[in-house]
Amino acid sequence: MRSDGTKRPLAYILAIMVAFLLTASGIWIIMAGGSADPSDEFLTEFDELRSKELYAHSSWGLMVLDPESNTTLVDVRSGEMFVPGSTTKLFTSAAIMMALGADHRFVTPVYATSMDENGVAGNVVLVASGDPNMGGRALENGGINYTDEDHSYALIQGGCILVSEDPLAGIDSLARQIYESGVRAVGDVVIDDSIFETVEMEEFVISPTIINDNLLDIMVRPGAVDGGANITVRPATDFFTIRNEVVTSDATDITITASGRDITVRGQIAEGSGQVNLTHTVREPAAFARALLIESLERHEIDVGSDAMGENPRSLIPSDYESAVKLAEIKSAPLSEEVKLTLKVSHNLHAETYLSLMAASRGGSNSYEGMVVEREMLERLGIDLSAMCLSDGMGGATEDRFTPSAAIQLLKAMMEKEEFEQFFGSLPVLGVDGSLAHSAADGSPAIGKVHAKTGTRAVYNVLGDTGMAQTKALAGYIDAASGKRVVFALFVNNVMVNDFDDIMALGNDVALVTDMIYRHF
């Protein structure tokens, strides 16, 4: 009986019973209009995707949040830790923007230990600031250029797209300013790289001096059939000796080996193919920067009384610069532009350098001290640090783990910060740029609507002679079809893969989940 004394129709009672049973079993029905709850429609598609044989032994974690109402829309194991890969860079980038400020600029000066009236300087000292770009990617509008296939991944991808900017622009600017200051001859040249420790890692060297990402770009072009190929390098320098053992043939297969500063490029390149851009990692960053500066000084008609190919003479670094003569300086783009580069292309060297830069901002000198600063920044944001384990800034450490909910906490907290506009603008955009440029399916309605950081970590499975993607991850923001901006964090761990194409296909499946989120929420 209703309160007005009339009976309910039988159909109404049955509808209520069905709704109760479906609700109890986890399937929600929205009575008005008879349409299914979007969460269940989403989960039906999501479960179908992850039921593929490819994911038979994989683990998925997903959380989707409506930040305006603080309502969790989807929760699939969001409290469990996953291997995050490069989504770790979200935390590192947010931390450095908070610690240094989004508008922070790196200033790299050059001093002379003495200077006479004839333009003869004593020693010239470049004081490295840890600037990750040193003017090499600078755009006229004050930004920093990047390509969707960055040269830091050239060997993994089998090539890359180089930015058009001169990697020596910053070094040449310093040399030009030194000439304009009246200097015509110098004694020795030294790089003061004492702002933080130089640490050699397997992939690269963490160093206060970074020019061209401390990479030598090696550009190979085919010649005549059965003849040699053509090789050029940038930045142009005599620091390295290049041995060209590449022939023009009917296929492309090029390898690069090195012994110290002697580099051998061997293999074959297909006739009529385009230029193949590969790289070699610089293992002596300070000596490399010193050689490039000396070569530039000489191009600017300044005599240098020391060997450009020598080691960096750190014993000549002054104890202070009070009596030194400042000759030149270059100033970086705002830190927000640097973070954009790092997140768009997932730049490992830059992200790892952020820890040392944060340490240096507090008078420290190493990545451990930088992680202490990052911890402080994340605590300020209200992140549950018990849901995280990080040992680096780029997401490459084997012990790196965090939960989808921790990623959601970060992304939501950043929406309240004054740096959010720059942070949001730094993320790759699905189907548009960066590491998401080629992930969207043709015609996907989510193209241009997903702003998120990718994450990938793959290892070799010796027993099965296959690869394994320890993680493929994506976390960020989606401007959904409903008009809402939702926050999401998605991880799939432990997927067997055979080659780079399989990893890309895995990335396409992850992107497909964002398409589902876009449509249903």
Protein backbone atom coordinates (compact mmCIF):
# COMPACT_ATOMS: atom_id res chain seq x y z
CA MET A 1 0.00 0.00 0.00
CA ARG A 2 1.20 3.53 -0.75
CA SER A 3 0.76 6.27 1.81
CA ASP A 4 -2.27 7.45 -0.16
CA GLY A 5 -3.95 4.02 0.32
CA THR A 6 -3.65 2.75 -3.30
CA LYS A 7 -1.88 -0.45 -4.44
CA ARG A 8 1.31 -0.55 -6.54
CA PRO A 9 0.93 -2.17 -9.98
CA LEU A 10 2.47 -5.67 -10.26
CA ALA A 11 4.81 -4.52 -13.06
CA TYR A 12 6.23 -1.86 -10.77
CA ILE A 13 6.88 -4.40 -7.99
CA LEU A 14 8.61 -6.80 -10.41
CA ALA A 15 10.78 -3.94 -11.74
CA ILE A 16 11.86 -3.09 -8.20
CA MET A 17 12.73 -6.75 -7.52
CA VAL A 18 14.77 -7.02 -10.74
CA ALA A 19 16.59 -3.81 -9.93
CA PHE A 20 17.37 -5.13 -6.44
CA LEU A 21 18.71 -8.43 -7.75
CA LEU A 22 20.84 -6.76 -10.42
CA THR A 23 22.20 -4.30 -7.90
CA ALA A 24 23.09 -7.08 -5.49
CA SER A 25 25.00 -8.88 -8.25
CA GLY A 26 26.94 -5.74 -9.10
CA ILE A 27 24.98 -4.74 -12.22
CA TRP A 28 23.29 -1.36 -11.86
CA ILE A 29 20.29 -0.23 -13.87
CA ILE A 30 19.26 3.40 -14.15
CA MET A 31 15.46 3.29 -14.02
CA ALA A 32 14.87 6.62 -15.70
CA GLY A 33 14.89 5.93 -19.42
CA GLY A 34 15.90 2.28 -18.82
CA SER A 35 19.59 2.82 -19.73
CA ALA A 36 22.44 0.88 -18.10
CA ASP A 37 24.82 2.53 -15.67
CA PRO A 38 27.83 3.77 -17.69
CA SER A 39 30.20 2.07 -15.25
CA ASP A 40 28.77 -1.34 -16.15
CA GLU A 41 28.75 -0.63 -19.87
CA PHE A 42 32.38 0.39 -19.54
CA LEU A 43 33.32 -2.68 -17.50
CA THR A 44 31.70 -4.99 -20.05
CA GLU A 45 33.96 -3.59 -22.78
CA PHE A 46 36.97 -3.45 -20.47
CA ASP A 47 36.57 -7.07 -19.41
CA GLU A 48 36.25 -8.15 -23.03
CA LEU A 49 39.51 -6.40 -23.86
CA ARG A 50 41.49 -7.91 -21.02
CA SER A 51 40.09 -11.40 -21.69
CA LYS A 52 42.35 -11.65 -24.76
CA GLU A 53 44.75 -14.59 -24.71
CA LEU A 54 47.58 -12.03 -24.72
CA TYR A 55 46.62 -11.05 -21.17
CA ALA A 56 46.06 -14.56 -19.77
CA HIS A 57 48.75 -14.08 -17.11
CA SER A 58 48.64 -10.28 -16.79
CA SER A 59 47.48 -7.99 -13.99
CA TRP A 60 45.32 -4.92 -14.57
CA GLY A 61 44.74 -1.94 -12.33
CA LEU A 62 42.47 0.98 -13.13
CA MET A 63 40.89 3.91 -11.34
CA VAL A 64 38.70 6.60 -12.86
CA LEU A 65 37.65 9.59 -10.75
CA ASP A 66 35.27 12.49 -11.23
CA PRO A 67 37.36 15.16 -9.47
CA GLU A 68 34.55 17.69 -9.25
CA SER A 69 32.37 15.44 -7.09
CA ASN A 70 35.28 13.31 -5.85
CA THR A 71 33.32 10.26 -7.01
CA THR A 72 35.11 7.06 -8.02
CA LEU A 73 33.63 5.94 -11.33
CA VAL A 74 35.71 2.79 -11.85
CA ASP A 75 37.86 0.88 -9.37
CA VAL A 76 39.75 -2.20 -10.50
CA ARG A 77 42.41 -3.11 -7.91
CA SER A 78 43.25 0.56 -7.42
CA GLY A 79 44.79 -0.10 -4.01
CA GLU A 80 47.35 -2.62 -5.28
CA MET A 81 50.85 -1.65 -6.35
CA PHE A 82 51.90 -1.98 -9.99
CA VAL A 83 55.11 -1.48 -11.95
CA PRO A 84 54.62 2.10 -13.19
CA GLY A 85 57.29 2.61 -15.84
CA SER A 86 57.57 6.20 -16.99
CA THR A 87 54.34 7.30 -15.33
CA THR A 88 56.83 7.81 -12.47
CA LYS A 89 57.85 10.98 -14.30
CA LEU A 90 54.52 12.54 -13.30
CA PHE A 91 55.68 12.57 -9.67
CA THR A 92 59.22 13.73 -10.47
CA SER A 93 58.00 16.53 -12.75
CA ALA A 94 55.35 17.74 -10.32
CA ALA A 95 57.92 17.75 -7.53
CA ILE A 96 60.53 19.80 -9.40
CA MET A 97 57.93 22.33 -10.56
CA MET A 98 56.89 22.82 -6.94
CA ALA A 99 60.45 22.83 -5.58
CA LEU A 100 61.97 25.25 -8.12
CA GLY A 101 58.89 26.97 -9.54
CA ALA A 102 57.41 26.57 -13.01
CA ASP A 103 59.06 29.81 -14.15
CA HIS A 104 62.55 28.89 -12.91
CA ARG A 105 65.33 29.45 -15.45
CA PHE A 106 68.79 27.89 -15.42
CA VAL A 107 71.61 30.40 -15.83
CA THR A 108 74.97 29.15 -17.12
CA PRO A 109 77.78 31.74 -16.86
CA VAL A 110 81.35 31.80 -18.15
CA TYR A 111 84.14 33.54 -16.24
CA ALA A 112 87.76 34.46 -16.92
CA THR A 113 90.14 34.04 -14.00
CA SER A 114 91.97 37.15 -15.25
CA MET A 115 91.83 39.60 -18.17
CA ASP A 116 94.37 42.14 -19.49
CA GLU A 117 93.99 45.21 -21.72
CA ASN A 118 95.09 43.24 -24.80
CA GLY A 119 92.17 40.81 -24.58
CA VAL A 120 94.22 37.99 -23.16
CA ALA A 121 92.29 36.05 -20.52
CA GLY A 122 93.63 33.58 -18.03
CA ASN A 123 91.58 30.43 -17.80
CA VAL A 124 87.99 30.40 -18.99
CA VAL A 125 85.54 28.60 -16.72
CA LEU A 126 82.04 27.51 -17.73
CA VAL A 127 80.01 27.03 -14.53
CA ALA A 128 77.50 24.29 -15.31
CA SER A 129 74.03 24.86 -13.85
CA GLY A 130 72.50 21.49 -14.73
CA ASP A 131 70.51 23.08 -17.57
CA PRO A 132 69.18 20.00 -19.40
CA ASN A 133 69.19 21.73 -22.81
CA MET A 134 71.90 24.44 -22.90
CA GLY A 135 70.03 26.29 -25.65
CA GLY A 136 70.13 23.36 -28.06
CA ARG A 137 66.35 23.03 -28.58
CA ALA A 138 65.41 26.69 -28.08
CA LEU A 139 62.56 28.09 -30.16
CA GLU A 140 62.19 31.75 -31.06
CA ASN A 141 58.97 31.93 -29.03
CA GLY A 142 60.81 30.95 -25.86
CA GLY A 143 59.77 27.31 -25.91
CA ILE A 144 61.75 24.09 -26.29
CA ASN A 145 61.33 21.93 -29.38
CA TYR A 146 60.71 18.19 -29.43
CA THR A 147 59.68 15.52 -31.92
CA ASP A 148 57.34 12.60 -31.45
CA GLU A 149 60.25 10.19 -32.03
CA ASP A 150 62.99 11.65 -29.86
CA HIS A 151 66.64 10.85 -30.46
CA SER A 152 67.01 9.56 -26.89
CA TYR A 153 65.14 6.44 -28.11
CA ALA A 154 66.86 6.15 -31.49
CA LEU A 155 68.57 2.82 -30.82
CA ILE A 156 65.42 1.22 -29.39
CA GLN A 157 63.22 2.49 -32.22
CA GLY A 158 65.78 1.93 -34.97
CA GLY A 159 65.81 5.63 -35.78
CA CYS A 160 64.40 8.98 -34.74
CA ILE A 161 63.32 12.41 -35.93
CA LEU A 162 65.81 15.14 -35.09
CA VAL A 163 64.79 18.64 -34.10
CA SER A 164 65.92 21.27 -36.58
CA GLU A 165 67.56 23.51 -33.97
CA ASP A 166 71.35 23.59 -33.73
CA PRO A 167 72.51 21.65 -30.64
CA LEU A 168 75.46 24.06 -30.39
CA ALA A 169 73.30 27.20 -30.27
CA GLY A 170 73.97 27.76 -26.58
CA ILE A 171 77.69 27.03 -26.78
CA ASP A 172 78.06 29.29 -29.83
CA SER A 173 76.16 32.06 -28.03
CA LEU A 174 78.65 31.88 -25.17
CA ALA A 175 81.63 31.97 -27.55
CA ARG A 176 80.15 34.94 -29.42
CA GLN A 177 79.60 36.84 -26.17
CA ILE A 178 83.15 36.06 -25.06
CA TYR A 179 84.49 37.48 -28.32
CA GLU A 180 82.28 40.56 -27.98
CA SER A 181 83.66 41.11 -24.46
CA GLY A 182 87.06 41.72 -26.06
CA VAL A 183 88.71 38.37 -25.44
CA ARG A 184 91.08 37.27 -28.20
CA ALA A 185 93.13 34.61 -26.42
CA VAL A 186 92.67 32.34 -23.41
CA GLY A 187 94.88 29.96 -21.50
CA ASP A 188 92.94 26.84 -20.63
CA VAL A 189 89.23 26.02 -20.62
CA VAL A 190 87.58 24.19 -17.73
CA ILE A 191 84.04 23.06 -16.95
CA ASP A 192 83.02 23.62 -13.33
CA ASP A 193 80.63 20.69 -12.88
CA SER A 194 80.62 20.75 -9.08
CA ILE A 195 76.97 21.75 -8.59
CA PHE A 196 76.08 18.07 -8.14
CA GLU A 197 77.72 14.68 -8.54
CA THR A 198 78.39 13.08 -11.90
CA VAL A 199 77.10 9.50 -11.83
CA GLU A 200 77.58 6.93 -14.58
CA MET A 201 74.54 4.76 -15.27
CA GLU A 202 74.04 2.00 -17.81
CA GLU A 203 71.87 4.10 -20.12
CA PHE A 204 73.59 7.49 -19.69
CA VAL A 205 75.65 9.67 -17.35
CA ILE A 206 73.98 12.02 -14.87
CA SER A 207 75.96 15.25 -15.14
CA PRO A 208 75.61 19.01 -14.61
CA THR A 209 76.67 19.47 -18.25
CA ILE A 210 74.17 18.33 -20.89
CA ILE A 211 74.65 19.29 -24.54
CA ASN A 212 72.45 17.66 -27.18
CA ASP A 213 71.21 15.37 -24.39
CA ASN A 214 74.81 14.15 -24.26
CA LEU A 215 74.23 12.25 -27.47
CA LEU A 216 76.16 12.25 -30.71
CA ASP A 217 73.62 12.09 -33.53
CA ILE A 218 74.88 9.77 -36.29
CA MET A 219 73.08 10.29 -39.59
CA VAL A 220 73.48 7.58 -42.25
CA ARG A 221 72.43 8.06 -45.89
CA PRO A 222 72.66 5.52 -48.73
CA GLY A 223 75.11 5.98 -51.56
CA ALA A 224 75.51 4.04 -54.81
CA VAL A 225 74.59 0.34 -54.89
CA ASP A 226 77.42 -1.86 -53.58
CA GLY A 227 79.19 1.30 -52.52
CA GLY A 228 79.74 2.99 -49.19
CA ALA A 229 77.14 4.98 -47.28
CA ASN A 230 77.47 8.58 -46.20
CA ILE A 231 77.75 9.47 -42.51
CA THR A 232 77.57 12.85 -40.80
CA VAL A 233 77.36 13.65 -37.11
CA ARG A 234 76.01 16.41 -34.93
CA PRO A 235 77.11 18.31 -33.11
CA ALA A 236 80.01 18.59 -35.53
CA THR A 237 83.16 17.89 -33.48
CA ASP A 238 86.54 16.21 -33.57
CA PHE A 239 85.92 14.81 -30.08
CA PHE A 240 84.95 11.46 -31.62
CA THR A 241 86.57 9.51 -34.44
CA ILE A 242 84.05 7.82 -36.73
CA ARG A 243 84.86 4.64 -38.67
CA ASN A 244 82.36 4.15 -41.51
CA GLU A 245 81.80 0.48 -42.38
CA VAL A 246 78.28 0.82 -43.80
CA VAL A 247 77.54 -0.25 -47.37
CA THR A 248 74.56 0.55 -49.58
CA SER A 249 72.57 -2.61 -50.25
CA ASP A 250 68.97 -3.88 -50.49
CA ALA A 251 68.16 -3.77 -46.75
CA THR A 252 68.92 -1.69 -43.67
CA ASP A 253 70.70 -3.14 -40.65
CA ILE A 254 73.10 -0.81 -38.84
CA THR A 255 74.98 -1.28 -35.58
CA ILE A 256 77.15 1.12 -33.60
CA THR A 257 80.02 0.05 -31.35
CA ALA A 258 82.55 2.16 -29.50
CA SER A 259 85.88 1.93 -27.76
CA GLY A 260 86.41 5.13 -25.85
CA ARG A 261 86.09 7.96 -28.35
CA ASP A 262 86.48 5.68 -31.39
CA ILE A 263 83.09 4.84 -32.88
CA THR A 264 82.48 2.21 -35.56
CA VAL A 265 79.29 2.30 -37.61
CA ARG A 266 78.83 -0.90 -39.60
CA GLY A 267 76.17 -2.75 -41.54
CA GLN A 268 74.06 -1.89 -44.55
CA ILE A 269 71.49 0.66 -45.64
CA ALA A 270 68.93 0.15 -48.39
CA GLU A 271 69.42 1.94 -51.69
CA GLY A 272 66.92 4.74 -52.09
CA SER A 273 65.91 4.73 -48.44
CA GLY A 274 65.79 7.88 -46.41
CA GLN A 275 68.32 9.03 -43.86
CA VAL A 276 68.58 6.85 -40.74
CA ASN A 277 69.27 8.79 -37.54
CA LEU A 278 71.00 6.89 -34.75
CA THR A 279 72.94 7.98 -31.67
CA HIS A 280 75.94 7.29 -29.48
CA THR A 281 75.90 8.11 -25.76
CA VAL A 282 78.52 10.55 -24.49
CA ARG A 283 80.30 9.02 -21.50
CA GLU A 284 82.53 12.03 -20.70
CA PRO A 285 80.04 14.92 -20.43
CA ALA A 286 82.41 17.53 -18.99
CA ALA A 287 85.27 16.76 -21.41
CA PHE A 288 82.71 16.75 -24.27
CA ALA A 289 81.34 20.17 -23.26
CA ARG A 290 84.88 21.51 -22.89
CA ALA A 291 85.86 20.32 -26.38
CA LEU A 292 82.74 21.86 -27.92
CA LEU A 293 83.38 25.19 -26.21
CA ILE A 294 87.04 25.26 -27.31
CA GLU A 295 86.08 24.42 -30.89
CA SER A 296 83.48 27.18 -30.84
CA LEU A 297 85.94 29.70 -29.39
CA GLU A 298 88.34 28.89 -32.19
CA ARG A 299 85.58 29.31 -34.79
CA HIS A 300 85.00 32.76 -33.26
CA GLU A 301 88.70 33.62 -33.78
CA ILE A 302 89.78 33.27 -30.17
CA ASP A 303 93.10 31.52 -29.60
CA VAL A 304 93.02 28.75 -27.01
CA GLY A 305 96.26 27.61 -25.41
CA SER A 306 95.14 24.08 -24.60
CA ASP A 307 94.18 20.86 -26.36
CA ALA A 308 90.46 20.60 -27.06
CA MET A 309 90.66 16.81 -26.89
CA GLY A 310 92.15 16.73 -23.41
CA GLU A 311 90.45 15.85 -20.14
CA ASN A 312 88.54 18.44 -18.15
CA PRO A 313 91.19 20.01 -15.83
CA ARG A 314 89.08 20.17 -12.65
CA SER A 315 92.12 21.23 -10.62
CA LEU A 316 91.78 24.64 -12.31
CA ILE A 317 88.26 25.26 -10.95
CA PRO A 318 88.42 28.41 -8.76
CA SER A 319 87.39 28.18 -5.12
CA ASP A 320 85.15 31.20 -5.72
CA TYR A 321 84.36 33.71 -8.47
CA GLU A 322 84.56 36.99 -6.53
CA SER A 323 87.68 38.18 -8.36
CA ALA A 324 86.80 36.54 -11.69
CA VAL A 325 85.54 38.45 -14.74
CA LYS A 326 82.15 37.43 -16.02
CA LEU A 327 82.32 37.13 -19.81
CA ALA A 328 79.02 35.59 -20.88
CA GLU A 329 75.93 33.68 -19.84
CA ILE A 330 72.98 31.85 -21.33
CA LYS A 331 69.58 31.56 -19.71
CA SER A 332 67.22 28.65 -20.25
CA ALA A 333 63.56 28.62 -21.15
CA PRO A 334 61.20 28.37 -18.16
CA LEU A 335 61.26 25.08 -16.28
CA SER A 336 57.68 24.42 -17.41
CA GLU A 337 58.95 24.17 -20.99
CA GLU A 338 61.65 21.72 -19.92
CA VAL A 339 59.04 19.60 -18.10
CA LYS A 340 56.92 19.63 -21.26
CA LEU A 341 59.83 18.14 -23.21
CA THR A 342 60.41 15.48 -20.55
CA LEU A 343 56.78 14.38 -20.31
CA LYS A 344 55.97 14.65 -24.03
CA VAL A 345 58.81 12.37 -25.15
CA SER A 346 59.39 10.57 -21.81
CA HIS A 347 62.97 11.78 -21.51
CA ASN A 348 64.83 9.52 -19.08
CA LEU A 349 68.02 11.55 -18.73
CA HIS A 350 66.14 14.75 -17.96
CA ALA A 351 63.78 13.13 -15.46
CA GLU A 352 66.67 11.51 -13.63
CA THR A 353 68.56 14.82 -13.61
CA TYR A 354 65.57 16.43 -11.86
CA LEU A 355 66.48 14.62 -8.64
CA SER A 356 70.01 16.08 -8.67
CA LEU A 357 68.64 19.52 -9.53
CA MET A 358 66.22 19.36 -6.60
CA ALA A 359 69.10 18.32 -4.35
CA ALA A 360 71.26 21.20 -5.60
CA SER A 361 68.45 23.67 -4.89
CA ARG A 362 68.84 22.75 -1.21
CA GLY A 363 72.63 22.61 -1.20
CA GLY A 364 72.72 18.85 -1.78
CA SER A 365 74.64 16.98 -4.43
CA ASN A 366 73.05 13.64 -5.29
CA SER A 367 69.84 11.90 -6.30
CA TYR A 368 69.18 10.52 -2.81
CA GLU A 369 69.03 14.06 -1.44
CA GLY A 370 66.82 14.96 -4.39
CA MET A 371 64.42 12.16 -3.50
CA VAL A 372 64.19 13.63 0.01
CA VAL A 373 63.06 16.92 -1.56
CA GLU A 374 60.58 15.05 -3.77
CA ARG A 375 59.17 13.31 -0.70
CA GLU A 376 58.57 16.69 0.91
CA MET A 377 56.79 18.00 -2.20
CA LEU A 378 54.56 14.91 -2.44
CA GLU A 379 53.68 15.12 1.24
CA ARG A 380 52.59 18.71 0.65
CA LEU A 381 50.29 17.42 -2.09
CA GLY A 382 48.75 14.92 0.30
CA ILE A 383 49.98 11.80 -1.50
CA ASP A 384 49.78 8.55 0.46
CA LEU A 385 53.47 7.62 0.40
CA SER A 386 52.72 4.21 1.89
CA ALA A 387 51.18 3.38 -1.50
CA MET A 388 54.46 4.12 -3.30
CA CYS A 389 58.00 2.78 -3.63
CA LEU A 390 60.36 4.84 -5.81
CA SER A 391 64.12 4.72 -6.19
CA ASP A 392 64.61 6.93 -9.25
CA GLY A 393 63.06 9.76 -11.18
CA MET A 394 62.35 8.09 -14.52
CA GLY A 395 60.65 4.81 -13.57
CA GLY A 396 63.43 2.45 -14.55
CA ALA A 397 64.34 1.00 -11.15
CA THR A 398 63.24 -2.61 -10.60
CA GLU A 399 61.72 -1.72 -7.22
CA ASP A 400 59.55 1.16 -8.48
CA ARG A 401 55.90 0.55 -7.61
CA PHE A 402 52.79 2.57 -6.82
CA THR A 403 49.03 2.17 -6.82
CA PRO A 404 46.58 3.62 -9.32
CA SER A 405 45.01 5.50 -6.40
CA ALA A 406 48.36 7.19 -5.61
CA ALA A 407 48.58 8.38 -9.21
CA ILE A 408 45.00 9.67 -8.98
CA GLN A 409 45.89 11.54 -5.77
CA LEU A 410 48.74 13.30 -7.57
CA LEU A 411 46.72 14.18 -10.65
CA LYS A 412 43.81 15.51 -8.60
CA ALA A 413 46.09 17.47 -6.25
CA MET A 414 47.85 19.14 -9.19
CA MET A 415 44.50 20.45 -10.40
CA GLU A 416 44.48 22.70 -7.33
CA LYS A 417 48.00 24.05 -7.86
CA GLU A 418 48.96 27.24 -9.67
CA GLU A 419 51.28 25.13 -11.83
CA PHE A 420 48.40 23.03 -13.17
CA GLU A 421 48.05 24.79 -16.53
CA GLN A 422 51.72 24.15 -17.34
CA PHE A 423 51.56 20.62 -15.91
CA PHE A 424 48.47 19.73 -17.95
CA GLY A 425 49.97 21.27 -21.10
CA SER A 426 53.08 19.13 -20.68
CA LEU A 427 51.28 15.82 -21.09
CA PRO A 428 51.20 13.87 -24.38
CA VAL A 429 47.87 14.16 -26.22
CA LEU A 430 46.25 11.06 -27.69
CA GLY A 431 46.63 10.96 -31.47
CA VAL A 432 48.30 14.38 -31.49
CA ASP A 433 51.82 14.47 -30.06
CA GLY A 434 54.58 12.99 -27.96
CA SER A 435 54.49 9.36 -26.90
CA LEU A 436 50.72 9.20 -27.63
CA ALA A 437 50.96 10.57 -31.16
CA HIS A 438 50.50 7.18 -32.84
CA SER A 439 48.45 5.29 -30.25
CA ALA A 440 44.88 6.18 -31.20
CA ALA A 441 42.78 4.10 -33.57
CA ASP A 442 41.73 5.88 -36.75
CA GLY A 443 38.58 7.87 -36.14
CA SER A 444 38.68 7.48 -32.37
CA PRO A 445 36.46 10.14 -30.76
CA ALA A 446 38.99 10.43 -27.94
CA ILE A 447 41.70 11.89 -30.20
CA GLY A 448 42.79 15.20 -28.73
CA LYS A 449 40.76 14.58 -25.55
CA VAL A 450 43.23 12.45 -23.57
CA HIS A 451 46.16 14.21 -21.89
CA ALA A 452 48.24 11.55 -20.17
CA LYS A 453 51.70 10.20 -19.41
CA THR A 454 52.71 6.86 -20.86
CA GLY A 455 54.79 4.22 -19.14
CA THR A 456 56.59 1.18 -20.58
CA ARG A 457 59.08 -1.24 -19.12
CA ALA A 458 60.14 -4.38 -21.01
CA VAL A 459 62.63 -7.13 -20.17
CA TYR A 460 63.97 -10.27 -21.87
CA ASN A 461 62.51 -13.63 -20.87
CA VAL A 462 65.52 -15.95 -21.22
CA LEU A 463 63.57 -19.14 -20.54
CA GLY A 464 60.92 -18.49 -23.17
CA ASP A 465 63.20 -16.54 -25.53
CA THR A 466 60.60 -13.79 -25.67
CA GLY A 467 60.17 -10.35 -24.26
CA MET A 468 57.93 -9.41 -21.39
CA ALA A 469 56.32 -6.04 -20.91
CA GLN A 470 56.55 -5.64 -17.17
CA THR A 471 54.25 -2.70 -17.59
CA LYS A 472 52.27 -0.63 -20.02
CA ALA A 473 50.70 2.27 -18.21
CA LEU A 474 48.85 5.50 -18.81
CA ALA A 475 47.70 8.15 -16.34
CA GLY A 476 46.24 11.60 -16.77
CA TYR A 477 43.07 13.44 -17.72
CA ILE A 478 40.23 12.82 -20.18
CA ASP A 479 37.80 15.48 -21.35
CA ALA A 480 34.93 13.01 -21.75
CA ALA A 481 31.98 13.09 -24.11
CA SER A 482 29.74 14.12 -21.21
CA GLY A 483 31.67 17.37 -20.85
CA LYS A 484 33.29 16.22 -17.60
CA ARG A 485 37.04 16.13 -17.10
CA VAL A 486 37.85 12.83 -15.41
CA VAL A 487 41.12 11.63 -13.92
CA PHE A 488 42.37 8.11 -14.60
CA ALA A 489 45.30 5.78 -13.94
CA LEU A 490 45.67 2.52 -15.87
CA PHE A 491 48.29 -0.21 -15.51
CA VAL A 492 48.74 -3.62 -17.13
CA ASN A 493 51.69 -5.64 -15.85
CA ASN A 494 53.40 -8.80 -17.12
CA VAL A 495 52.47 -9.23 -20.76
CA MET A 496 54.51 -11.57 -22.99
CA VAL A 497 55.66 -9.79 -26.17
CA ASN A 498 57.88 -10.81 -29.05
CA ASP A 499 59.09 -7.51 -30.46
CA PHE A 500 58.71 -3.73 -30.46
CA ASP A 501 55.59 -4.02 -32.64
CA ASP A 502 53.93 -6.12 -29.93
CA ILE A 503 54.69 -3.43 -27.37
CA MET A 504 53.16 -0.83 -29.67
CA ALA A 505 50.06 -3.02 -30.09
CA LEU A 506 49.83 -3.27 -26.33
CA GLY A 507 49.97 0.51 -26.19
CA ASN A 508 47.11 0.66 -28.66
CA ASP A 509 44.98 -1.51 -26.35
CA VAL A 510 45.75 0.82 -23.46
CA ALA A 511 44.71 3.76 -25.65
CA LEU A 512 41.52 1.89 -26.50
CA VAL A 513 40.62 1.88 -22.80
CA THR A 514 40.82 5.68 -22.81
CA ASP A 515 38.41 5.65 -25.75
CA MET A 516 36.01 3.63 -23.60
CA ILE A 517 36.36 6.05 -20.70
CA TYR A 518 35.76 8.99 -23.04
CA ARG A 519 32.55 7.49 -24.40
CA HIS A 520 31.04 6.19 -21.17
CA PHE A 521 31.79 8.98 -18.70
